[in-house]
Protein backbone atom coordinates (compact mmCIF):
# COMPACT_ATOMS: atom_id res chain seq x y z
CA MET A 1 0.00 0.00 0.00
CA ASN A 2 1.33 3.43 -0.94
CA SER A 3 2.05 5.85 1.91
CA PRO A 4 0.22 9.19 1.87
CA SER A 5 1.92 11.86 -0.20
CA PRO A 6 3.45 14.91 1.53
CA LYS A 7 0.67 17.08 0.14
CA THR A 8 -1.98 14.70 1.48
CA ARG A 9 -0.35 14.72 4.94
CA ALA A 10 -0.26 18.53 4.86
CA ASN A 11 -3.90 18.72 3.85
CA ALA A 12 -4.75 16.45 6.80
CA PHE A 13 -2.62 18.53 9.19
CA LEU A 14 -4.28 21.88 8.47
CA PRO A 15 -7.79 20.95 9.74
CA LEU A 16 -6.21 19.37 12.83
CA TRP A 17 -4.24 22.52 13.58
CA TYR A 18 -7.26 24.75 13.01
CA ALA A 19 -9.24 22.58 15.45
CA PHE A 20 -6.40 22.63 18.00
CA ALA A 21 -6.02 26.41 17.79
CA ALA A 22 -9.80 26.88 18.04
CA PHE A 23 -9.92 24.63 21.10
CA LEU A 24 -7.23 26.63 22.88
CA CYS A 25 -8.56 30.06 21.91
CA LEU A 26 -12.16 29.23 22.78
CA GLY A 27 -11.23 27.56 26.05
CA TYR A 28 -8.76 30.12 27.40
CA ILE A 29 -9.69 33.40 25.69
CA VAL A 30 -13.27 33.51 24.39
CA LEU A 31 -15.32 31.40 26.81
CA PRO A 32 -13.67 32.84 29.95
CA PHE A 33 -14.94 36.26 28.86
CA PHE A 34 -18.48 34.88 28.75
CA TYR A 35 -17.96 33.45 32.22
CA THR A 36 -17.18 37.00 33.33
CA LEU A 37 -20.33 38.29 31.62
CA ARG A 38 -22.30 35.59 33.40
CA SER A 39 -20.75 36.55 36.72
CA ALA A 40 -21.71 40.18 36.09
CA THR A 41 -25.29 39.43 35.03
CA PHE A 42 -26.30 36.35 37.07
CA VAL A 43 -26.67 36.63 40.84
CA ASP A 44 -27.93 33.63 42.82
CA GLY A 45 -28.62 31.83 39.55
CA ALA A 46 -30.97 34.48 38.15
CA PHE A 47 -30.34 36.99 35.40
CA THR A 48 -30.09 40.55 36.64
CA LEU A 49 -28.51 43.87 35.75
CA SER A 50 -28.49 45.00 39.36
CA VAL A 51 -24.69 44.98 39.61
CA PHE A 52 -24.39 47.16 36.50
CA GLN A 53 -27.05 49.44 37.99
CA GLU A 54 -25.08 49.56 41.22
CA PHE A 55 -21.96 50.51 39.30
CA PHE A 56 -23.46 53.21 37.09
CA GLY A 57 -25.71 54.48 39.86
CA ASN A 58 -22.73 55.27 42.04
CA PRO A 59 -21.00 58.56 41.03
CA ASN A 60 -17.74 57.31 42.55
CA HIS A 61 -17.72 54.23 40.30
CA VAL A 62 -18.47 56.36 37.22
CA GLN A 63 -15.68 58.77 38.17
CA VAL A 64 -13.24 55.88 38.44
CA ALA A 65 -14.17 54.78 34.91
CA LEU A 66 -13.69 58.36 33.66
CA ASN A 67 -10.33 58.46 35.46
CA SER A 68 -9.23 55.35 33.56
CA LEU A 69 -10.33 56.90 30.26
CA LYS A 70 -8.47 60.12 31.11
CA LEU A 71 -5.32 58.17 31.97
CA GLY A 72 -5.50 56.26 28.69
CA VAL A 73 -5.91 59.43 26.61
CA GLY A 74 -3.14 61.18 28.56
CA THR A 75 -0.83 58.22 27.99
CA VAL A 76 -1.38 58.38 24.23
CA LEU A 77 -0.82 62.14 24.01
CA VAL A 78 2.35 62.22 26.13
CA CYS A 79 3.89 59.01 24.80
CA GLY A 80 2.94 59.84 21.21
CA THR A 81 4.58 63.25 21.34
CA LEU A 82 7.72 62.06 23.12
CA GLY A 83 8.17 58.84 21.17
CA THR A 84 7.65 60.49 17.77
CA VAL A 85 10.07 63.35 18.55
CA LEU A 86 12.72 60.87 19.66
CA ALA A 87 12.22 58.70 16.55
CA LEU A 88 12.52 61.71 14.25
CA TYR A 89 15.66 62.88 16.03
CA MET A 90 17.31 59.46 15.89
CA THR A 91 16.45 59.08 12.20
CA PHE A 92 17.38 62.51 10.87
CA LEU A 93 19.64 64.26 13.35
CA ALA A 94 21.51 61.76 15.53
CA GLY A 95 25.20 61.61 14.76
CA LYS A 96 27.84 60.00 16.94
CA HIS A 97 26.93 57.28 19.41
CA LYS A 98 23.61 56.63 17.66
CA MET A 99 23.64 52.94 18.54
CA ILE A 100 24.25 53.62 22.24
CA LEU A 101 21.46 56.21 22.29
CA HIS A 102 19.11 53.81 20.56
CA ILE A 103 19.78 51.05 23.10
CA LEU A 104 19.31 53.47 25.98
CA LEU A 105 16.04 54.75 24.56
CA LEU A 106 14.77 51.18 24.29
CA SER A 107 15.86 50.35 27.85
CA PRO A 108 12.60 51.24 29.64
CA MET A 109 10.91 48.47 27.67
CA MET A 110 13.23 46.03 29.44
CA ILE A 111 12.44 47.12 33.01
CA PRO A 112 9.24 45.74 34.56
CA GLY A 113 6.73 48.45 35.40
CA VAL A 114 6.55 47.67 39.12
CA ILE A 115 10.31 48.20 39.47
CA THR A 116 10.09 51.47 37.56
CA VAL A 117 7.33 52.73 39.86
CA ILE A 118 9.33 51.86 42.98
CA ALA A 119 12.41 53.57 41.55
CA PHE A 120 10.45 56.73 40.83
CA ILE A 121 9.04 56.72 44.36
CA GLN A 122 12.58 56.44 45.75
CA LEU A 123 13.62 59.38 43.57
CA TYR A 124 10.62 61.71 43.59
CA GLY A 125 8.51 60.63 46.55
CA GLU A 126 8.18 62.72 49.69
CA SER A 127 11.49 61.31 51.00
CA GLY A 128 12.99 60.68 47.57
CA LEU A 129 16.58 61.45 46.66
CA VAL A 130 15.74 64.12 44.08
CA THR A 131 13.00 65.62 46.26
CA LYS A 132 15.28 66.00 49.28
CA ALA A 133 18.18 67.27 47.17
CA LEU A 134 16.00 70.04 45.70
CA GLN A 135 14.58 70.87 49.10
CA MET A 136 18.08 71.31 50.55
CA LEU A 137 19.39 73.16 47.49
CA LEU A 138 16.49 75.62 47.50
CA ASN A 139 16.41 75.81 51.31
CA LEU A 140 12.71 74.92 51.44
CA SER A 141 10.82 73.97 54.59
CA SER A 142 8.83 71.27 52.78
CA ALA A 143 9.08 69.14 49.66
CA PRO A 144 9.02 71.24 46.44
CA PHE A 145 6.37 69.01 44.85
CA THR A 146 4.00 66.18 45.64
CA PHE A 147 4.61 62.94 43.78
CA LYS A 148 1.06 61.65 43.84
CA GLY A 149 -2.08 61.54 41.77
CA PHE A 150 -2.73 61.77 38.04
CA GLY A 151 0.38 63.74 37.08
CA ALA A 152 2.78 61.44 38.91
CA ILE A 153 1.14 58.30 37.51
CA LEU A 154 1.20 59.68 33.96
CA PHE A 155 4.85 60.67 34.41
CA VAL A 156 5.77 57.09 35.34
CA ILE A 157 3.70 55.55 32.54
CA ALA A 158 5.24 57.90 29.97
CA TYR A 159 8.69 56.71 31.08
CA THR A 160 8.04 53.21 29.78
CA GLN A 161 5.21 53.37 27.27
CA TYR A 162 6.74 55.94 24.92
CA VAL A 163 8.85 53.06 23.61
CA TYR A 164 5.87 51.77 21.59
CA PHE A 165 5.71 55.00 19.61
CA TYR A 166 9.46 55.39 19.43
CA LEU A 167 10.23 51.92 18.08
CA ASN A 168 7.27 51.68 15.69
CA VAL A 169 7.84 55.15 14.20
CA TYR A 170 11.60 54.57 14.04
CA VAL A 171 11.07 51.38 12.02
CA ALA A 172 8.45 53.05 9.79
CA LEU A 173 10.86 55.88 8.94
CA LYS A 174 13.22 53.34 7.38
CA TYR A 175 10.74 53.11 4.49
CA LEU A 176 10.57 56.84 3.86
CA ASP A 177 11.60 58.11 0.42
CA TYR A 178 14.14 60.76 1.39
CA SER A 179 14.24 62.20 -2.11
CA GLN A 180 10.70 63.51 -1.51
CA ILE A 181 11.92 65.44 1.52
CA GLU A 182 14.79 66.95 -0.43
CA ALA A 183 12.43 67.88 -3.28
CA ALA A 184 9.95 69.50 -0.91
CA ARG A 185 12.67 71.46 0.86
CA SER A 186 14.17 72.61 -2.44
CA LEU A 187 10.74 74.01 -3.38
CA GLY A 188 10.66 76.04 -0.17
CA ALA A 189 8.42 73.84 1.98
CA SER A 190 8.82 74.38 5.73
CA TRP A 191 9.69 71.49 8.02
CA GLY A 192 6.13 71.58 9.32
CA ARG A 193 4.79 71.16 5.79
CA VAL A 194 7.32 68.40 5.06
CA PHE A 195 6.22 66.52 8.17
CA LYS A 196 2.52 66.90 7.33
CA ASP A 197 2.70 66.02 3.62
CA VAL A 198 5.69 63.64 3.34
CA ILE A 199 6.55 62.07 6.69
CA LEU A 200 3.15 61.74 8.38
CA PRO A 201 1.53 59.55 5.68
CA VAL A 202 4.40 57.07 6.02
CA ILE A 203 4.39 56.85 9.81
CA LYS A 204 0.61 57.08 10.31
CA PRO A 205 0.06 53.28 10.46
CA ALA A 206 2.77 53.09 13.14
CA LEU A 207 1.14 55.96 15.04
CA LEU A 208 -2.28 54.30 14.94
CA LEU A 209 -0.91 50.93 16.08
CA SER A 210 1.03 52.59 18.89
CA THR A 211 -2.07 54.54 19.90
CA ILE A 212 -4.02 51.30 20.38
CA LEU A 213 -1.20 49.69 22.37
CA THR A 214 -0.48 52.64 24.64
CA PHE A 215 -4.15 53.44 25.28
CA ALA A 216 -4.83 49.87 26.35
CA SER A 217 -1.73 49.97 28.55
CA GLY A 218 -2.73 53.28 30.12
CA VAL A 219 -6.32 52.24 30.80
CA SER A 220 -5.27 48.98 32.44
CA SER A 221 -2.24 50.39 34.30
CA PHE A 222 -2.08 48.98 37.82
CA SER A 223 1.37 49.30 39.38
CA GLY A 224 1.48 53.12 39.12
CA PRO A 225 -2.01 53.85 40.50
CA ASN A 226 -1.63 51.14 43.15
CA LEU A 227 1.77 52.18 44.53
CA ILE A 228 1.70 55.94 43.95
CA GLY A 229 -1.96 56.40 44.92
CA GLY A 230 -4.08 59.51 44.93
CA TYR A 231 -5.94 58.54 41.75
CA LYS A 232 -8.45 55.68 41.60
CA VAL A 233 -8.78 53.73 38.36
CA LEU A 234 -10.64 50.61 37.31
CA SER A 235 -7.62 48.31 37.58
CA THR A 236 -7.08 49.06 41.26
CA GLN A 237 -10.80 48.83 42.02
CA ILE A 238 -11.00 45.43 40.32
CA VAL A 239 -8.32 44.07 42.65
CA LEU A 240 -10.05 45.66 45.64
CA SER A 241 -13.39 44.09 44.69
CA LYS A 242 -11.74 40.71 44.25
CA VAL A 243 -9.97 40.95 47.62
CA ASN A 244 -13.34 41.79 49.21
CA ASN A 245 -14.89 38.72 47.53
CA HIS A 246 -17.24 40.91 45.50
CA LEU A 247 -16.46 39.07 42.27
CA GLU A 248 -19.70 40.24 40.61
CA MET A 249 -18.58 43.88 40.92
CA ALA A 250 -15.05 42.98 39.83
CA SER A 251 -16.56 41.36 36.72
CA VAL A 252 -18.65 44.47 35.96
CA GLN A 253 -15.60 46.71 36.39
CA ALA A 254 -13.58 44.46 34.09
CA VAL A 255 -16.33 44.53 31.45
CA VAL A 256 -16.49 48.35 31.63
CA MET A 257 -12.70 48.52 31.20
CA PHE A 258 -12.97 46.21 28.18
CA ALA A 259 -15.75 48.36 26.70
CA ILE A 260 -13.57 51.46 26.99
CA SER A 261 -10.53 49.73 25.44
CA ILE A 262 -12.37 48.07 22.56
CA SER A 263 -14.33 51.25 21.75
CA VAL A 264 -11.16 53.30 21.39
CA MET A 265 -9.45 50.53 19.42
CA LEU A 266 -12.37 50.34 16.96
CA LEU A 267 -12.47 54.14 16.70
CA VAL A 268 -8.74 54.31 15.90
CA ARG A 269 -9.02 51.54 13.31
CA TRP A 270 -12.06 53.20 11.73
CA TYR A 271 -10.12 56.44 11.47
CA GLY A 272 -7.19 54.57 9.96
CA ARG A 273 -9.36 52.98 7.27
CA LYS A 274 -11.15 56.26 6.57
CA THR A 275 -7.96 58.24 6.08
CA SER A 276 -5.80 55.55 4.49
CA GLY A 277 -4.39 56.22 1.09
CA VAL A 278 -2.53 54.11 -1.42
CA GLN A 279 0.66 52.88 0.24
CA ALA A 280 3.78 52.45 -1.77
CA ASP A 281 5.81 49.26 -1.61
CA ARG A 282 7.75 49.11 1.61
CA VAL A 283 11.35 49.18 0.46
CA ALA A 284 13.92 50.33 2.97
CA THR A 285 15.99 53.30 1.81
CA ARG A 286 19.23 54.77 3.00
CA VAL A 287 18.89 57.41 5.69
CA VAL A 288 20.25 60.75 4.49
CA PRO A 289 21.32 63.21 7.21
CA LEU A 290 19.25 66.35 6.88
CA ARG A 291 20.12 69.91 7.79
CA ALA A 292 17.59 71.61 10.01
CA ASN A 293 17.22 74.85 11.90
CA PRO A 294 19.91 74.97 14.64
CA LEU A 295 17.32 75.92 17.25
CA LEU A 296 15.20 72.93 16.25
CA VAL A 297 18.20 70.65 16.54
CA LEU A 298 19.12 72.13 19.92
CA GLY A 299 15.59 71.68 21.23
CA ALA A 300 15.50 68.08 20.06
CA ARG A 301 18.85 67.36 21.71
CA VAL A 302 17.62 68.82 24.98
CA VAL A 303 14.61 66.46 24.86
CA VAL A 304 16.87 63.48 24.12
CA ILE A 305 19.34 64.35 26.89
CA ALA A 306 16.52 64.88 29.37
CA GLN A 307 15.00 61.52 28.45
CA ILE A 308 18.37 59.74 28.79
CA VAL A 309 18.79 61.28 32.25
CA LEU A 310 15.27 60.17 33.21
CA ILE A 311 16.09 56.66 31.96
CA LEU A 312 19.40 56.33 33.80
CA LEU A 313 18.39 57.94 37.12
CA PRO A 314 15.90 55.23 38.23
CA ILE A 315 18.31 52.44 37.31
CA ALA A 316 21.16 54.15 39.16
CA ALA A 317 18.91 54.79 42.18
CA ILE A 318 17.79 51.16 42.40
CA VAL A 319 21.36 49.84 42.13
CA TYR A 320 22.69 52.37 44.66
CA LEU A 321 19.95 51.82 47.24
CA SER A 322 20.08 48.04 46.89
CA PHE A 323 23.50 48.16 48.58
CA MET A 324 22.17 50.20 51.50
CA THR A 325 20.67 48.90 54.73
CA THR A 326 16.93 49.32 55.07
CA GLY A 327 17.47 51.43 58.17
CA SER A 328 19.75 53.78 56.28
CA ILE A 329 17.23 54.08 53.43
CA MET A 330 14.39 54.83 55.85
CA GLN A 331 16.21 57.24 58.17
CA GLU A 332 18.84 59.10 56.14
CA ILE A 333 18.32 61.67 53.40
CA PHE A 334 21.21 60.25 51.39
CA PRO A 335 21.83 56.68 52.61
CA HIS A 336 25.48 55.66 52.90
CA SER A 337 25.55 52.48 55.02
CA PHE A 338 26.95 50.10 52.40
CA THR A 339 26.07 46.42 52.79
CA LEU A 340 25.78 43.16 50.84
CA GLU A 341 23.22 41.86 53.29
CA ASN A 342 20.25 42.37 50.96
CA TYR A 343 21.74 40.12 48.29
CA GLN A 344 23.04 37.62 50.85
CA THR A 345 19.54 37.30 52.28
CA ILE A 346 18.07 36.58 48.85
CA PHE A 347 20.59 33.91 47.87
CA ALA A 348 21.07 32.39 51.35
CA LYS A 349 17.38 31.78 52.06
CA PRO A 350 15.54 29.50 49.59
CA ARG A 351 12.20 30.98 50.64
CA VAL A 352 13.38 34.48 49.68
CA LEU A 353 14.97 33.34 46.41
CA GLN A 354 11.97 31.26 45.33
CA PRO A 355 9.83 34.14 43.91
CA LEU A 356 12.63 35.04 41.49
CA LEU A 357 12.96 31.41 40.40
CA ASN A 358 9.17 31.16 40.08
CA SER A 359 9.02 34.17 37.74
CA LEU A 360 11.92 32.92 35.61
CA GLU A 361 10.31 29.49 35.34
CA MET A 362 6.75 30.67 34.68
CA SER A 363 7.84 33.29 32.13
CA ALA A 364 9.98 30.76 30.26
CA LEU A 365 7.14 28.22 30.32
CA ALA A 366 4.69 30.79 28.95
CA VAL A 367 7.07 31.72 26.12
CA VAL A 368 7.71 28.08 25.17
CA ILE A 369 3.98 27.29 25.10
CA GLY A 370 3.30 30.52 23.21
CA LEU A 371 5.92 29.74 20.57
CA LEU A 372 4.62 26.19 20.12
CA ILE A 373 1.21 27.69 19.35
CA THR A 374 2.17 30.77 17.35
CA VAL A 375 5.04 29.58 15.16
CA PRO A 376 2.97 26.99 13.19
CA SER A 377 0.00 29.37 13.27
CA ALA A 378 2.08 32.23 11.86
CA TYR A 379 3.38 29.99 9.07
CA ILE A 380 -0.15 28.91 8.13
CA ILE A 381 -1.41 32.51 8.24
CA VAL A 382 1.46 33.87 6.12
CA ARG A 383 1.42 31.09 3.54
CA ASN A 384 -2.32 30.29 3.46
CA ARG A 385 -4.45 33.40 3.13
CA THR A 386 -7.83 31.78 3.72
CA LYS A 387 -10.89 32.62 5.77
CA LEU A 388 -10.01 29.93 8.31
CA SER A 389 -6.50 31.29 8.77
CA GLY A 390 -8.01 34.76 9.15
CA VAL A 391 -10.35 33.52 11.88
CA MET A 392 -7.44 31.80 13.62
CA ARG A 393 -5.41 35.00 13.53
CA PHE A 394 -8.33 37.00 14.93
CA LEU A 395 -8.75 34.60 17.85
CA ILE A 396 -5.04 34.54 18.71
CA MET A 397 -4.79 38.34 18.47
CA LEU A 398 -7.91 38.86 20.60
CA PRO A 399 -6.02 39.22 23.92
CA SER A 400 -4.36 42.37 22.56
CA ALA A 401 -7.76 44.05 23.06
CA LEU A 402 -8.17 42.66 26.58
CA PRO A 403 -6.69 44.57 29.53
CA ALA A 404 -4.57 42.43 31.84
CA SER A 405 -7.11 42.81 34.66
CA LEU A 406 -9.87 41.45 32.42
CA ILE A 407 -7.78 38.45 31.36
CA ALA A 408 -7.19 37.63 35.03
CA ILE A 409 -10.85 38.06 36.01
CA ASN A 410 -11.88 35.93 33.01
CA LEU A 411 -9.60 33.11 34.15
CA ILE A 412 -10.84 33.38 37.74
CA ASN A 413 -14.47 33.12 36.63
CA ALA A 414 -13.75 30.27 34.24
CA PHE A 415 -11.36 28.10 36.24
CA ALA A 416 -12.41 28.61 39.85
CA GLN A 417 -14.61 25.58 39.18
CA GLU A 418 -14.31 22.36 37.23
CA ASN A 419 -13.85 23.07 33.56
CA ILE A 420 -13.51 20.73 30.59
CA PHE A 421 -10.63 22.85 29.23
CA ALA A 422 -8.69 22.09 32.42
CA PHE A 423 -9.71 18.42 32.42
CA ASN A 424 -12.33 19.14 35.09
CA VAL A 425 -9.80 20.35 37.64
CA PRO A 426 -10.12 23.82 39.27
CA LEU A 427 -7.01 25.82 38.44
CA ILE A 428 -7.37 28.88 40.67
CA GLY A 429 -4.80 28.60 43.44
CA SER A 430 -2.68 26.13 41.47
CA TYR A 431 0.78 26.78 40.07
CA ILE A 432 -0.24 26.56 36.40
CA ILE A 433 -2.80 29.40 36.38
CA LEU A 434 -0.18 32.17 36.12
CA PRO A 435 1.74 30.55 33.22
CA ILE A 436 -1.63 30.20 31.46
CA ALA A 437 -2.38 33.88 32.04
CA TYR A 438 1.09 34.89 30.86
CA THR A 439 0.68 32.75 27.74
CA VAL A 440 -2.68 34.30 26.88
CA MET A 441 -1.19 37.79 27.19
CA ALA A 442 1.90 36.84 25.16
CA LEU A 443 0.09 35.21 22.21
CA PRO A 444 -0.64 38.38 20.15
CA MET A 445 2.90 39.77 20.38
CA LEU A 446 4.46 36.37 19.67
CA LEU A 447 2.20 35.83 16.66
CA SER A 448 3.01 39.27 15.23
CA SER A 449 6.74 38.74 15.78
CA ASN A 450 6.67 35.31 14.16
CA GLU A 451 4.68 36.62 11.19
CA VAL A 452 7.42 39.18 10.61
CA ALA A 453 10.15 36.55 10.91
CA ILE A 454 8.44 34.05 8.58
CA GLY A 455 7.27 36.74 6.16
CA SER A 456 10.88 37.90 5.73
CA LEU A 457 11.91 34.45 4.44
CA HIS A 458 11.99 34.46 0.64
CA HIS A 459 9.52 31.98 -0.82
CA THR A 460 12.11 30.60 -3.29
CA MET A 461 13.75 28.63 -0.48
CA GLU A 462 10.50 26.82 0.23
CA GLU A 463 9.85 26.28 -3.48
CA ALA A 464 13.31 24.70 -3.85
CA SER A 465 12.58 22.35 -0.95
CA LYS A 466 9.23 21.33 -2.42
CA SER A 467 10.77 20.81 -5.86
CA LEU A 468 13.07 18.23 -4.27
CA GLY A 469 10.06 16.28 -3.03
CA ALA A 470 9.64 17.66 0.48
CA GLY A 471 6.09 18.32 1.61
CA PRO A 472 4.90 21.45 3.45
CA LEU A 473 5.52 19.90 6.86
CA ARG A 474 9.04 18.77 5.99
CA THR A 475 9.73 22.17 4.43
CA PHE A 476 8.45 23.91 7.54
CA VAL A 477 10.66 21.87 9.87
CA SER A 478 13.77 21.68 7.70
CA VAL A 479 13.77 25.04 5.91
CA VAL A 480 11.46 27.58 7.54
CA ILE A 481 12.37 27.01 11.21
CA PRO A 482 16.19 26.94 10.77
CA ASN A 483 16.14 30.13 8.69
CA THR A 484 13.77 32.09 10.92
CA VAL A 485 14.88 30.87 14.35
CA PRO A 486 16.81 34.07 15.22
CA GLY A 487 13.70 36.24 14.71
CA ILE A 488 11.47 33.71 16.47
CA LEU A 489 13.78 33.52 19.48
CA ALA A 490 14.18 37.31 19.60
CA GLY A 491 10.41 37.71 19.87
CA GLY A 492 10.32 35.01 22.53
CA VAL A 493 13.05 36.68 24.58
CA LEU A 494 11.24 40.01 24.35
CA MET A 495 8.06 38.46 25.72
CA PHE A 496 10.07 36.70 28.44
CA ILE A 497 11.30 40.12 29.56
CA ARG A 498 7.77 41.51 29.60
CA MET A 499 6.41 38.56 31.60
CA ILE A 500 9.14 38.27 34.24
CA GLY A 501 7.97 41.35 36.14
CA GLU A 502 4.25 41.21 35.27
CA TYR A 503 2.26 42.62 38.17
CA THR A 504 -1.39 43.21 37.27
CA MET A 505 -2.44 39.62 36.56
CA SER A 506 -0.09 38.33 39.23
CA ALA A 507 -1.83 40.40 41.90
CA LEU A 508 -5.14 38.74 41.02
CA LEU A 509 -3.98 35.17 40.36
CA TYR A 510 -0.92 34.29 42.45
CA GLY A 511 -1.06 31.76 45.28
CA ILE A 512 1.30 30.10 47.71
CA HIS A 513 2.64 27.81 44.98
CA ASN A 514 3.51 30.43 42.37
CA ARG A 515 4.35 33.67 44.17
CA PRO A 516 6.13 35.79 41.50
CA ILE A 517 8.94 38.30 41.95
CA SER A 518 6.68 41.32 41.31
CA ILE A 519 4.50 40.43 44.31
CA SER A 520 7.55 39.89 46.52
CA ILE A 521 9.02 43.24 45.49
CA VAL A 522 5.85 45.07 46.52
CA THR A 523 5.31 42.99 49.67
CA ASN A 524 8.84 43.61 50.92
CA LEU A 525 8.42 47.32 50.24
CA GLN A 526 5.18 47.40 52.21
CA GLU A 527 6.78 45.44 55.06
CA TYR A 528 9.63 47.98 55.23
CA GLU A 529 12.19 45.54 53.81
CA THR A 530 13.12 48.17 51.23
CA GLY A 531 16.69 46.92 50.73
CA ILE A 532 15.58 43.43 49.77
CA SER A 533 12.86 44.84 47.50
CA LEU A 534 15.41 46.94 45.62
CA ALA A 535 17.91 44.07 45.44
CA TYR A 536 15.16 42.00 43.80
CA GLY A 537 14.74 44.85 41.34
CA VAL A 538 18.45 44.91 40.46
CA LEU A 539 18.46 41.15 39.81
CA VAL A 540 15.45 41.44 37.51
CA ILE A 541 17.00 44.39 35.65
CA LEU A 542 20.21 42.39 35.22
CA VAL A 543 18.29 39.46 33.74
CA CYS A 544 16.40 41.84 31.43
CA TYR A 545 19.54 43.54 30.12
CA VAL A 546 21.21 40.20 29.44
CA ALA A 547 18.07 39.28 27.51
CA LEU A 548 18.21 42.63 25.65
CA ALA A 549 21.78 41.87 24.53
CA LEU A 550 20.54 38.48 23.30
CA ILE A 551 17.75 40.14 21.31
CA PHE A 552 20.19 42.45 19.54
CA LYS A 553 22.44 39.52 18.76
CA LEU A 554 19.62 37.36 17.41
CA ASP A 555 17.63 39.89 15.38
CA LYS A 556 19.59 43.13 15.16
CA ASN A 557 18.00 44.30 11.92
CA ARG A 558 14.50 44.49 13.38
CA PHE A 559 15.44 46.64 16.35
CA VAL A 560 18.22 48.84 14.96
């Protein structure tokens, strides 16, 4: 009997993979959301909208929702302005040390948000290093400013989230036709007119994508509002409702947050479609240094220098304070009691070291599972433009529209009880629930990264393999994977960095078996073990920067 041909085996594999992907997406992304809707609309087994009425009937709840919307809009405006200015400077005006500047400007992406917030508190809080230095320098009787509320939270968010705009616009500018700029300038067009008519159409898709990402991040921000305080948002209220065992209200708050995020995302995409024009082929061109007004150049350099200082100060503060005793940090304006005790405590006591090991393990597990799902899916999507592949892509990308708090609440509602997708075993309180949550959050970014990596592989290599008798599966394993593995691994490492310090979902889902480093950092800070908390932060930053070096080595072209 003849064995099935490679094409026949491939045709049999596709339906199986579609079914497998649908099973995972429905079980861990789609259906959990409906569990949350059920929790919000069914009380004591009966359908009711009383919890929604309670939410919208309370002015304080409505104000919290408006606060979240305001924070999301503020995040987009501040990060969009800063990130775009930095990208334009690095593309057109940066000279010497461009590579070093580029790496530094990408650095905030590598530092978990909870560590950034703690660093800013140590710098700009009431007893912060910068605050006290200014107070002494200006001979003031009280702190010169209050690091609390909306402004402080937005300041911290802008520190990290501008990277979305910066990197996306920076990459988009590689495909700009510089001869058009020179032609416009030679005809007397101002730089404002050049930006509006020549540059903006090219970078607009990047701006719209970054707007969606940063708005969702701003709306669902948790570490800043939770640790800085003075400004209530939905993410903090969701955790509070969950802690108080009012899961119905937590579900309503999560649904409201989702409604805000998805509404803005749809609005941005509608605007993008409405204003889109005919895009030229994306062919990278050589960057030509441009001469600009000296005052404009000076202003841009001031912005860049200020941003570099803001980037380096928190890192320096965390490293410096991690070698100080907690007593010195708490009692002295400028601590100077050097010690290695904080690090010795972490590595000498397994119980103290375990949260770091947990986060490394769970983040790596989430990335491995995510890659196993998204690499074959990306290949099918790129090489088979069908309705089924489009549906699969939509389902895998769906978590990009879900705030982290909603993902966590969805999983709580779905897996606090027996569930067929968990083989009828409750998962809440178990070790595996956090890796599942991390994987769900990582899927969209991993899929997008893998699509880029696979899409960059020239189709002639696959055609040559098939002409020698290899089927699609053999070609995928023997040709596609070996030639795209650097890009695939780079995307995986980037997601590993983002997951290692994840705080929002961790605060809702962690238990005694999977306590992550982000929770231990905050707990030690709240228990006045500041030195250990900061030492944790230094270790995480060190891991992240080693990972950043690996990313540049694996896939330099995509990030430089």
